[in-house]
Amino acid sequence: MSKKRILFIATEMSPYLELTEFAEIVNKLAIKSNETGLEVRCIMPRFGVINERRHRLHEVVRLSGINVTVDNDDYPLQIKVASLPNARLQVYFLENEDFFKRKQIFHDDNERWFDDNGLRSIFFCKGALETVKKFGWAPDVIHCSGWMSCLAPAYIRTAYKREPVFGNSKIVFTIGDTTFPEKMPIDFTKKALINANIKEKDLESYKELTNTGLYRGGATYADAITFSSENPDPVLVEEFGKAKGKKILNFKGWDSDLTEYLELYNSF
């Protein structure tokens, strides 16, 4: 019997980028899943603050040649890989000079929100799914975490619904801390229409354009929802805490051994 395949699409992951405490959970989850016999791969953005030499990133030549179209412009996608320290599993980094080379994450040196953060999220989510297609590796479970991954569940169920590699994938979406007060541009959902298989009405759940709205959108398309905070947004707890037709995993504390996540993955 083949191993169950788990794909992590994450905004952050220790030791590469730690914006919230959940970065360490993603690290531990990937390692624990791998150690218990699941086949694991991880994808995250290669922000400019991630040191290529220190973390021993190198380009994956066989995955080169992908262009990602965002807002009618083509952007080259370079894919690099590193082996997670103390674990026999690989983390793939999506790199693009326009979106990720800068040495700041979401705000400039004067704490101003980058105007293109919406486009960066679109690029990351589409790029992650195009990378999986290039792998030819069909994940059984796709666990998305961090607001930058919020469009991936919607894309899998609409724009990529005819792709065989995602035909049997179950989606887990993590609702985490609210980390930014800004809003996405008013045309965010319009620019997120990456192909003919997705319509603006498919992104109706994202229309609030806030951190809460992005989490709502990702959770709407997920098969399971996890909460990664002691104090999640009460609006989302009320809306999704007992959502019908979805598996729900509440926060078990930072000292959890994460068994509950493995049970969730294996329940599909």
C-alpha atoms as a PDB file:
ATOM      1  CA  MET A   1       0.000   0.000   0.000  1.00  0.00           C
ATOM      2  CA  SER A   2       1.397   3.411  -0.965  1.00  0.00           C
ATOM      3  CA  LYS A   3       2.117   6.021   1.663  1.00  0.00           C
ATOM      4  CA  LYS A   4      -0.395   8.795   2.232  1.00  0.00           C
ATOM      5  CA  ARG A   5       0.969  12.045   0.812  1.00  0.00           C
ATOM      6  CA  ILE A   6       0.796  15.272   2.809  1.00  0.00           C
ATOM      7  CA  LEU A   7       1.576  18.644   1.234  1.00  0.00           C
ATOM      8  CA  PHE A   8       2.149  21.695   3.416  1.00  0.00           C
ATOM      9  CA  ILE A   9       1.606  25.073   1.734  1.00  0.00           C
ATOM     10  CA  ALA A  10       2.822  27.502   4.366  1.00  0.00           C
ATOM     11  CA  THR A  11       3.579  31.194   4.659  1.00  0.00           C
ATOM     12  CA  GLU A  12       6.148  30.451   7.374  1.00  0.00           C
ATOM     13  CA  MET A  13       8.073  27.511   8.774  1.00  0.00           C
ATOM     14  CA  SER A  14      10.896  27.183  11.265  1.00  0.00           C
ATOM     15  CA  PRO A  15      13.840  27.580  10.945  1.00  0.00           C
ATOM     16  CA  TYR A  16      13.461  29.553   7.712  1.00  0.00           C
ATOM     17  CA  LEU A  17      10.878  32.172   8.685  1.00  0.00           C
ATOM     18  CA  GLU A  18       9.198  32.722  12.041  1.00  0.00           C
ATOM     19  CA  LEU A  19       6.478  35.359  12.037  1.00  0.00           C
ATOM     20  CA  THR A  20       4.167  33.640  14.543  1.00  0.00           C
ATOM     21  CA  GLU A  21       4.436  30.683  16.887  1.00  0.00           C
ATOM     22  CA  PHE A  22       2.752  28.491  14.297  1.00  0.00           C
ATOM     23  CA  ALA A  23       5.982  28.456  12.254  1.00  0.00           C
ATOM     24  CA  GLU A  24       7.383  25.983  14.766  1.00  0.00           C
ATOM     25  CA  ILE A  25       4.216  23.902  14.653  1.00  0.00           C
ATOM     26  CA  VAL A  26       4.519  23.548  10.863  1.00  0.00           C
ATOM     27  CA  ASN A  27       8.112  22.367  11.346  1.00  0.00           C
ATOM     28  CA  LYS A  28       7.126  19.815  13.982  1.00  0.00           C
ATOM     29  CA  LEU A  29       4.106  18.663  12.005  1.00  0.00           C
ATOM     30  CA  ALA A  30       6.155  18.027   8.880  1.00  0.00           C
ATOM     31  CA  ILE A  31       8.777  16.086  10.826  1.00  0.00           C
ATOM     32  CA  LYS A  32       6.255  14.084  12.852  1.00  0.00           C
ATOM     33  CA  SER A  33       4.206  13.258   9.751  1.00  0.00           C
ATOM     34  CA  ASN A  34       7.344  12.093   7.977  1.00  0.00           C
ATOM     35  CA  GLU A  35       8.511  10.006  10.934  1.00  0.00           C
ATOM     36  CA  THR A  36       5.173   8.222  11.184  1.00  0.00           C
ATOM     37  CA  GLY A  37       5.392   6.992   7.601  1.00  0.00           C
ATOM     38  CA  LEU A  38       3.571   9.691   5.666  1.00  0.00           C
ATOM     39  CA  GLU A  39       5.164  11.070   2.506  1.00  0.00           C
ATOM     40  CA  VAL A  40       5.686  14.793   3.074  1.00  0.00           C
ATOM     41  CA  ARG A  41       6.567  17.811   0.960  1.00  0.00           C
ATOM     42  CA  CYS A  42       6.505  21.478   1.961  1.00  0.00           C
ATOM     43  CA  ILE A  43       6.193  24.638  -0.113  1.00  0.00           C
ATOM     44  CA  MET A  44       6.744  28.214   1.082  1.00  0.00           C
ATOM     45  CA  PRO A  45       7.809  31.581  -0.364  1.00  0.00           C
ATOM     46  CA  ARG A  46      11.517  32.296  -0.538  1.00  0.00           C
ATOM     47  CA  PHE A  47      11.440  35.750   0.992  1.00  0.00           C
ATOM     48  CA  GLY A  48      14.642  37.766   0.679  1.00  0.00           C
ATOM     49  CA  VAL A  49      15.298  37.444   4.409  1.00  0.00           C
ATOM     50  CA  ILE A  50      15.770  33.678   4.054  1.00  0.00           C
ATOM     51  CA  ASN A  51      19.504  33.147   3.802  1.00  0.00           C
ATOM     52  CA  GLU A  52      20.319  30.891   0.868  1.00  0.00           C
ATOM     53  CA  ARG A  53      23.809  29.954   2.035  1.00  0.00           C
ATOM     54  CA  ARG A  54      22.970  29.342   5.684  1.00  0.00           C
ATOM     55  CA  HIS A  55      20.001  27.115   4.848  1.00  0.00           C
ATOM     56  CA  ARG A  56      21.732  25.451   1.878  1.00  0.00           C
ATOM     57  CA  LEU A  57      19.124  26.223  -0.728  1.00  0.00           C
ATOM     58  CA  HIS A  58      19.824  25.128  -4.264  1.00  0.00           C
ATOM     59  CA  GLU A  59      17.874  25.409  -7.493  1.00  0.00           C
ATOM     60  CA  VAL A  60      15.793  22.469  -8.720  1.00  0.00           C
ATOM     61  CA  VAL A  61      16.714  22.491 -12.404  1.00  0.00           C
ATOM     62  CA  ARG A  62      14.129  19.893 -13.416  1.00  0.00           C
ATOM     63  CA  LEU A  63      11.364  22.210 -12.157  1.00  0.00           C
ATOM     64  CA  SER A  64      12.611  25.268 -14.021  1.00  0.00           C
ATOM     65  CA  GLY A  65      10.717  26.935 -16.841  1.00  0.00           C
ATOM     66  CA  ILE A  66       7.459  27.694 -15.041  1.00  0.00           C
ATOM     67  CA  ASN A  67       5.867  31.084 -15.687  1.00  0.00           C
ATOM     68  CA  VAL A  68       3.010  32.259 -13.489  1.00  0.00           C
ATOM     69  CA  THR A  69       0.464  34.683 -14.926  1.00  0.00           C
ATOM     70  CA  VAL A  70      -0.866  37.275 -12.481  1.00  0.00           C
ATOM     71  CA  ASP A  71      -2.964  40.250 -13.571  1.00  0.00           C
ATOM     72  CA  ASN A  72      -2.159  39.552 -17.250  1.00  0.00           C
ATOM     73  CA  ASP A  73       1.600  39.648 -16.648  1.00  0.00           C
ATOM     74  CA  ASP A  74       3.912  36.632 -16.753  1.00  0.00           C
ATOM     75  CA  TYR A  75       6.368  36.176 -13.893  1.00  0.00           C
ATOM     76  CA  PRO A  76       9.159  33.563 -13.931  1.00  0.00           C
ATOM     77  CA  LEU A  77       9.062  31.098 -11.064  1.00  0.00           C
ATOM     78  CA  GLN A  78      12.331  29.717  -9.773  1.00  0.00           C
ATOM     79  CA  ILE A  79      12.157  26.789  -7.385  1.00  0.00           C
ATOM     80  CA  LYS A  80      14.796  26.051  -4.796  1.00  0.00           C
ATOM     81  CA  VAL A  81      14.968  23.266  -2.263  1.00  0.00           C
ATOM     82  CA  ALA A  82      16.543  22.598   1.113  1.00  0.00           C
ATOM     83  CA  SER A  83      16.551  19.610   3.413  1.00  0.00           C
ATOM     84  CA  LEU A  84      14.851  20.339   6.703  1.00  0.00           C
ATOM     85  CA  PRO A  85      17.487  20.133   9.471  1.00  0.00           C
ATOM     86  CA  ASN A  86      17.376  16.891  11.443  1.00  0.00           C
ATOM     87  CA  ALA A  87      14.798  15.395   9.089  1.00  0.00           C
ATOM     88  CA  ARG A  88      14.830  13.527   5.823  1.00  0.00           C
ATOM     89  CA  LEU A  89      12.334  15.685   3.997  1.00  0.00           C
ATOM     90  CA  GLN A  90      12.521  18.568   1.561  1.00  0.00           C
ATOM     91  CA  VAL A  91      11.181  22.092   1.643  1.00  0.00           C
ATOM     92  CA  TYR A  92      10.597  23.802  -1.702  1.00  0.00           C
ATOM     93  CA  PHE A  93      10.942  27.577  -1.913  1.00  0.00           C
ATOM     94  CA  LEU A  94       9.172  29.649  -4.553  1.00  0.00           C
ATOM     95  CA  GLU A  95      11.355  32.499  -5.721  1.00  0.00           C
ATOM     96  CA  ASN A  96      10.631  35.512  -7.899  1.00  0.00           C
ATOM     97  CA  GLU A  97      12.617  38.725  -8.087  1.00  0.00           C
ATOM     98  CA  ASP A  98       9.577  41.015  -8.363  1.00  0.00           C
ATOM     99  CA  PHE A  99       7.671  39.591  -5.411  1.00  0.00           C
ATOM    100  CA  PHE A 100      10.063  37.994  -2.946  1.00  0.00           C
ATOM    101  CA  LYS A 101      13.612  39.277  -3.356  1.00  0.00           C
ATOM    102  CA  ARG A 102      13.119  42.369  -1.139  1.00  0.00           C
ATOM    103  CA  LYS A 103      14.540  42.184   2.387  1.00  0.00           C
ATOM    104  CA  GLN A 104      11.230  42.907   4.088  1.00  0.00           C
ATOM    105  CA  ILE A 105       8.232  40.616   4.472  1.00  0.00           C
ATOM    106  CA  PHE A 106       4.926  42.534   4.233  1.00  0.00           C
ATOM    107  CA  HIS A 107       5.895  46.089   5.234  1.00  0.00           C
ATOM    108  CA  ASP A 108       8.694  48.399   4.123  1.00  0.00           C
ATOM    109  CA  ASP A 109      11.283  49.943   6.442  1.00  0.00           C
ATOM    110  CA  ASN A 110       8.763  52.628   7.377  1.00  0.00           C
ATOM    111  CA  GLU A 111       6.117  50.026   8.303  1.00  0.00           C
ATOM    112  CA  ARG A 112       4.053  50.782   5.206  1.00  0.00           C
ATOM    113  CA  TRP A 113       2.066  47.843   3.824  1.00  0.00           C
ATOM    114  CA  PHE A 114       3.320  46.769   0.403  1.00  0.00           C
ATOM    115  CA  ASP A 115       0.799  47.661  -2.285  1.00  0.00           C
ATOM    116  CA  ASP A 116       1.459  44.384  -4.087  1.00  0.00           C
ATOM    117  CA  ASN A 117       0.880  42.019  -1.143  1.00  0.00           C
ATOM    118  CA  GLY A 118      -2.307  40.840  -2.812  1.00  0.00           C
ATOM    119  CA  LEU A 119      -0.469  40.010  -6.036  1.00  0.00           C
ATOM    120  CA  ARG A 120       2.253  38.286  -4.028  1.00  0.00           C
ATOM    121  CA  SER A 121      -0.365  36.037  -2.440  1.00  0.00           C
ATOM    122  CA  ILE A 122      -1.913  35.224  -5.817  1.00  0.00           C
ATOM    123  CA  PHE A 123       1.526  34.428  -7.250  1.00  0.00           C
ATOM    124  CA  PHE A 124       2.424  32.220  -4.297  1.00  0.00           C
ATOM    125  CA  CYS A 125      -0.799  30.181  -4.355  1.00  0.00           C
ATOM    126  CA  LYS A 126      -0.829  29.686  -8.118  1.00  0.00           C
ATOM    127  CA  GLY A 127       2.914  29.017  -8.122  1.00  0.00           C
ATOM    128  CA  ALA A 128       2.561  26.379  -5.410  1.00  0.00           C
ATOM    129  CA  LEU A 129      -0.121  24.508  -7.362  1.00  0.00           C
ATOM    130  CA  GLU A 130       1.823  24.766 -10.627  1.00  0.00           C
ATOM    131  CA  THR A 131       4.841  23.350  -8.796  1.00  0.00           C
ATOM    132  CA  VAL A 132       2.813  20.363  -7.603  1.00  0.00           C
ATOM    133  CA  LYS A 133       1.646  19.783 -11.165  1.00  0.00           C
ATOM    134  CA  LYS A 134       5.272  19.837 -12.284  1.00  0.00           C
ATOM    135  CA  PHE A 135       6.094  17.295  -9.556  1.00  0.00           C
ATOM    136  CA  GLY A 136       3.445  14.974 -10.943  1.00  0.00           C
ATOM    137  CA  TRP A 137       2.898  14.137  -7.278  1.00  0.00           C
ATOM    138  CA  ALA A 138      -0.746  13.861  -6.180  1.00  0.00           C
ATOM    139  CA  PRO A 139      -1.213  14.859  -2.520  1.00  0.00           C
ATOM    140  CA  ASP A 140      -3.872  13.119  -0.450  1.00  0.00           C
ATOM    141  CA  VAL A 141      -4.015  15.997   2.035  1.00  0.00           C
ATOM    142  CA  ILE A 142      -3.054  19.634   1.426  1.00  0.00           C
ATOM    143  CA  HIS A 143      -2.571  21.625   4.635  1.00  0.00           C
ATOM    144  CA  CYS A 144      -2.587  25.391   4.028  1.00  0.00           C
ATOM    145  CA  SER A 145      -1.470  27.793   6.749  1.00  0.00           C
ATOM    146  CA  GLY A 146      -0.766  31.502   6.925  1.00  0.00           C
ATOM    147  CA  TRP A 147      -2.847  34.149   5.189  1.00  0.00           C
ATOM    148  CA  MET A 148      -0.707  34.027   2.044  1.00  0.00           C
ATOM    149  CA  SER A 149      -2.005  30.501   1.399  1.00  0.00           C
ATOM    150  CA  CYS A 150      -5.651  31.581   1.629  1.00  0.00           C
ATOM    151  CA  LEU A 151      -6.429  31.399  -2.093  1.00  0.00           C
ATOM    152  CA  ALA A 152      -5.031  27.890  -2.555  1.00  0.00           C
ATOM    153  CA  PRO A 153      -8.195  26.079  -1.307  1.00  0.00           C
ATOM    154  CA  ALA A 154     -10.395  28.120  -3.650  1.00  0.00           C
ATOM    155  CA  TYR A 155      -8.055  27.529  -6.583  1.00  0.00           C
ATOM    156  CA  ILE A 156      -7.949  23.772  -5.969  1.00  0.00           C
ATOM    157  CA  ARG A 157     -11.745  23.583  -6.000  1.00  0.00           C
ATOM    158  CA  THR A 158     -12.262  25.864  -9.004  1.00  0.00           C
ATOM    159  CA  ALA A 159      -9.363  26.859 -11.254  1.00  0.00           C
ATOM    160  CA  TYR A 160      -7.581  23.507 -10.769  1.00  0.00           C
ATOM    161  CA  LYS A 161     -10.578  21.242 -10.292  1.00  0.00           C
ATOM    162  CA  ARG A 162      -9.909  19.427 -13.580  1.00  0.00           C
ATOM    163  CA  GLU A 163      -6.286  18.696 -12.765  1.00  0.00           C
ATOM    164  CA  PRO A 164      -5.892  14.975 -11.999  1.00  0.00           C
ATOM    165  CA  VAL A 165      -3.103  15.674  -9.499  1.00  0.00           C
ATOM    166  CA  PHE A 166      -5.653  17.369  -7.202  1.00  0.00           C
ATOM    167  CA  GLY A 167      -8.610  15.111  -7.990  1.00  0.00           C
ATOM    168  CA  ASN A 168      -8.595  13.267  -4.665  1.00  0.00           C
ATOM    169  CA  SER A 169      -6.975  15.889  -2.440  1.00  0.00           C
ATOM    170  CA  LYS A 170      -8.557  16.870   0.855  1.00  0.00           C
ATOM    171  CA  ILE A 171      -7.862  20.379   2.118  1.00  0.00           C
ATOM    172  CA  VAL A 172      -6.997  21.362   5.675  1.00  0.00           C
ATOM    173  CA  PHE A 173      -6.942  25.104   6.347  1.00  0.00           C
ATOM    174  CA  THR A 174      -5.527  26.682   9.495  1.00  0.00           C
ATOM    175  CA  ILE A 175      -7.105  29.821  10.915  1.00  0.00           C
ATOM    176  CA  GLY A 176      -4.333  31.590  12.791  1.00  0.00           C
ATOM    177  CA  ASP A 177      -3.715  34.877  14.536  1.00  0.00           C
ATOM    178  CA  THR A 178      -4.816  38.101  12.917  1.00  0.00           C
ATOM    179  CA  THR A 179      -1.478  39.585  11.891  1.00  0.00           C
ATOM    180  CA  PHE A 180      -2.310  42.683   9.846  1.00  0.00           C
ATOM    181  CA  PRO A 181      -4.899  45.483  10.077  1.00  0.00           C
ATOM    182  CA  GLU A 182      -4.643  46.581   6.451  1.00  0.00           C
ATOM    183  CA  LYS A 183      -6.965  45.656   3.600  1.00  0.00           C
ATOM    184  CA  MET A 184      -6.254  44.141   0.240  1.00  0.00           C
ATOM    185  CA  PRO A 185      -6.885  46.430  -2.777  1.00  0.00           C
ATOM    186  CA  ILE A 186     -10.482  46.694  -3.912  1.00  0.00           C
ATOM    187  CA  ASP A 187      -9.658  44.768  -7.119  1.00  0.00           C
ATOM    188  CA  PHE A 188      -7.972  41.863  -5.281  1.00  0.00           C
ATOM    189  CA  THR A 189     -10.611  39.243  -6.105  1.00  0.00           C
ATOM    190  CA  LYS A 190     -10.750  40.369  -9.732  1.00  0.00           C
ATOM    191  CA  LYS A 191      -6.993  39.980 -10.101  1.00  0.00           C
ATOM    192  CA  ALA A 192      -7.199  36.593  -8.385  1.00  0.00           C
ATOM    193  CA  LEU A 193      -9.182  35.184 -11.343  1.00  0.00           C
ATOM    194  CA  ILE A 194      -6.281  33.203 -12.756  1.00  0.00           C
ATOM    195  CA  ASN A 195      -8.106  31.227 -15.443  1.00  0.00           C
ATOM    196  CA  ALA A 196     -11.494  30.608 -17.034  1.00  0.00           C
ATOM    197  CA  ASN A 197     -12.463  27.966 -14.477  1.00  0.00           C
ATOM    198  CA  ILE A 198     -12.820  30.522 -11.676  1.00  0.00           C
ATOM    199  CA  LYS A 199     -15.367  33.340 -11.526  1.00  0.00           C
ATOM    200  CA  GLU A 200     -15.550  36.391  -9.281  1.00  0.00           C
ATOM    201  CA  LYS A 201     -18.587  34.872  -7.514  1.00  0.00           C
ATOM    202  CA  ASP A 202     -16.359  31.950  -6.486  1.00  0.00           C
ATOM    203  CA  LEU A 203     -14.349  34.403  -4.385  1.00  0.00           C
ATOM    204  CA  GLU A 204     -17.344  36.025  -2.715  1.00  0.00           C
ATOM    205  CA  SER A 205     -16.229  34.758   0.699  1.00  0.00           C
ATOM    206  CA  TYR A 206     -13.008  36.794   0.394  1.00  0.00           C
ATOM    207  CA  LYS A 207     -14.763  40.094  -0.341  1.00  0.00           C
ATOM    208  CA  GLU A 208     -14.098  41.654   3.088  1.00  0.00           C
ATOM    209  CA  LEU A 209     -10.433  41.927   1.963  1.00  0.00           C
ATOM    210  CA  THR A 210      -9.142  41.848   5.566  1.00  0.00           C
ATOM    211  CA  ASN A 211      -7.050  39.230   7.366  1.00  0.00           C
ATOM    212  CA  THR A 212     -10.350  37.827   8.687  1.00  0.00           C
ATOM    213  CA  GLY A 213     -11.827  37.834   5.192  1.00  0.00           C
ATOM    214  CA  LEU A 214      -8.886  35.925   3.733  1.00  0.00           C
ATOM    215  CA  TYR A 215      -9.127  33.292   6.462  1.00  0.00           C
ATOM    216  CA  ARG A 216     -12.866  33.062   5.815  1.00  0.00           C
ATOM    217  CA  GLY A 217     -12.243  32.405   2.139  1.00  0.00           C
ATOM    218  CA  GLY A 218      -9.695  29.670   2.758  1.00  0.00           C
ATOM    219  CA  ALA A 219     -11.872  28.008   5.383  1.00  0.00           C
ATOM    220  CA  THR A 220     -14.924  28.090   3.120  1.00  0.00           C
ATOM    221  CA  TYR A 221     -13.258  25.770   0.610  1.00  0.00           C
ATOM    222  CA  ALA A 222     -11.568  23.476   3.143  1.00  0.00           C
ATOM    223  CA  ASP A 223     -12.628  19.980   4.144  1.00  0.00           C
ATOM    224  CA  ALA A 224     -11.185  20.523   7.618  1.00  0.00           C
ATOM    225  CA  ILE A 225     -10.419  23.614   9.671  1.00  0.00           C
ATOM    226  CA  THR A 226      -7.858  23.901  12.435  1.00  0.00           C
ATOM    227  CA  PHE A 227      -7.387  26.784  14.856  1.00  0.00           C
ATOM    228  CA  SER A 228      -3.779  27.643  15.675  1.00  0.00           C
ATOM    229  CA  SER A 229      -4.222  30.212  18.390  1.00  0.00           C
ATOM    230  CA  GLU A 230      -5.385  30.534  21.970  1.00  0.00           C
ATOM    231  CA  ASN A 231      -7.388  33.611  20.957  1.00  0.00           C
ATOM    232  CA  PRO A 232      -8.630  33.207  17.370  1.00  0.00           C
ATOM    233  CA  ASP A 233     -10.900  35.800  15.834  1.00  0.00           C
ATOM    234  CA  PRO A 234     -14.268  35.268  17.629  1.00  0.00           C
ATOM    235  CA  VAL A 235     -16.101  36.030  14.393  1.00  0.00           C
ATOM    236  CA  LEU A 236     -14.426  33.065  12.715  1.00  0.00           C
ATOM    237  CA  VAL A 237     -14.897  30.829  15.756  1.00  0.00           C
ATOM    238  CA  GLU A 238     -18.619  31.582  15.629  1.00  0.00           C
ATOM    239  CA  GLU A 239     -18.758  31.057  11.885  1.00  0.00           C
ATOM    240  CA  PHE A 240     -16.621  27.928  11.528  1.00  0.00           C
ATOM    241  CA  GLY A 241     -16.264  26.422  15.003  1.00  0.00           C
ATOM    242  CA  LYS A 242     -19.128  24.044  14.312  1.00  0.00           C
ATOM    243  CA  ALA A 243     -19.340  24.246  10.535  1.00  0.00           C
ATOM    244  CA  LYS A 244     -21.468  21.471   9.092  1.00  0.00           C
ATOM    245  CA  GLY A 245     -19.745  19.104   6.712  1.00  0.00           C
ATOM    246  CA  LYS A 246     -16.252  20.058   7.880  1.00  0.00           C
ATOM    247  CA  LYS A 247     -13.897  18.409  10.330  1.00  0.00           C
ATOM    248  CA  ILE A 248     -12.905  20.857  13.073  1.00  0.00           C
ATOM    249  CA  LEU A 249      -9.714  20.744  15.136  1.00  0.00           C
ATOM    250  CA  ASN A 250      -9.536  23.209  17.994  1.00  0.00           C
ATOM    251  CA  PHE A 251      -6.294  24.520  19.454  1.00  0.00           C
ATOM    252  CA  LYS A 252      -4.770  22.043  21.906  1.00  0.00           C
ATOM    253  CA  GLY A 253      -2.024  24.252  23.303  1.00  0.00           C
ATOM    254  CA  TRP A 254       1.572  24.875  22.324  1.00  0.00           C
ATOM    255  CA  ASP A 255       2.795  21.830  24.230  1.00  0.00           C
ATOM    256  CA  SER A 256       0.601  19.390  22.281  1.00  0.00           C
ATOM    257  CA  ASP A 257       2.389  16.388  20.759  1.00  0.00           C
ATOM    258  CA  LEU A 258       0.369  17.081  17.569  1.00  0.00           C
ATOM    259  CA  THR A 259      -1.132  13.598  17.452  1.00  0.00           C
ATOM    260  CA  GLU A 260      -4.497  15.233  16.804  1.00  0.00           C
ATOM    261  CA  TYR A 261      -3.233  16.531  13.454  1.00  0.00           C
ATOM    262  CA  LEU A 262      -2.024  13.101  12.370  1.00  0.00           C
ATOM    263  CA  GLU A 263      -5.387  11.639  13.322  1.00  0.00           C
ATOM    264  CA  LEU A 264      -7.026  14.328  11.203  1.00  0.00           C
ATOM    265  CA  TYR A 265      -4.818  13.603   8.173  1.00  0.00           C
ATOM    266  CA  ASN A 266      -5.447   9.876   8.464  1.00  0.00           C
ATOM    267  CA  SER A 267      -9.201  10.338   8.847  1.00  0.00           C
ATOM    268  CA  PHE A 268      -9.586  11.159   5.163  1.00  0.00           C
END
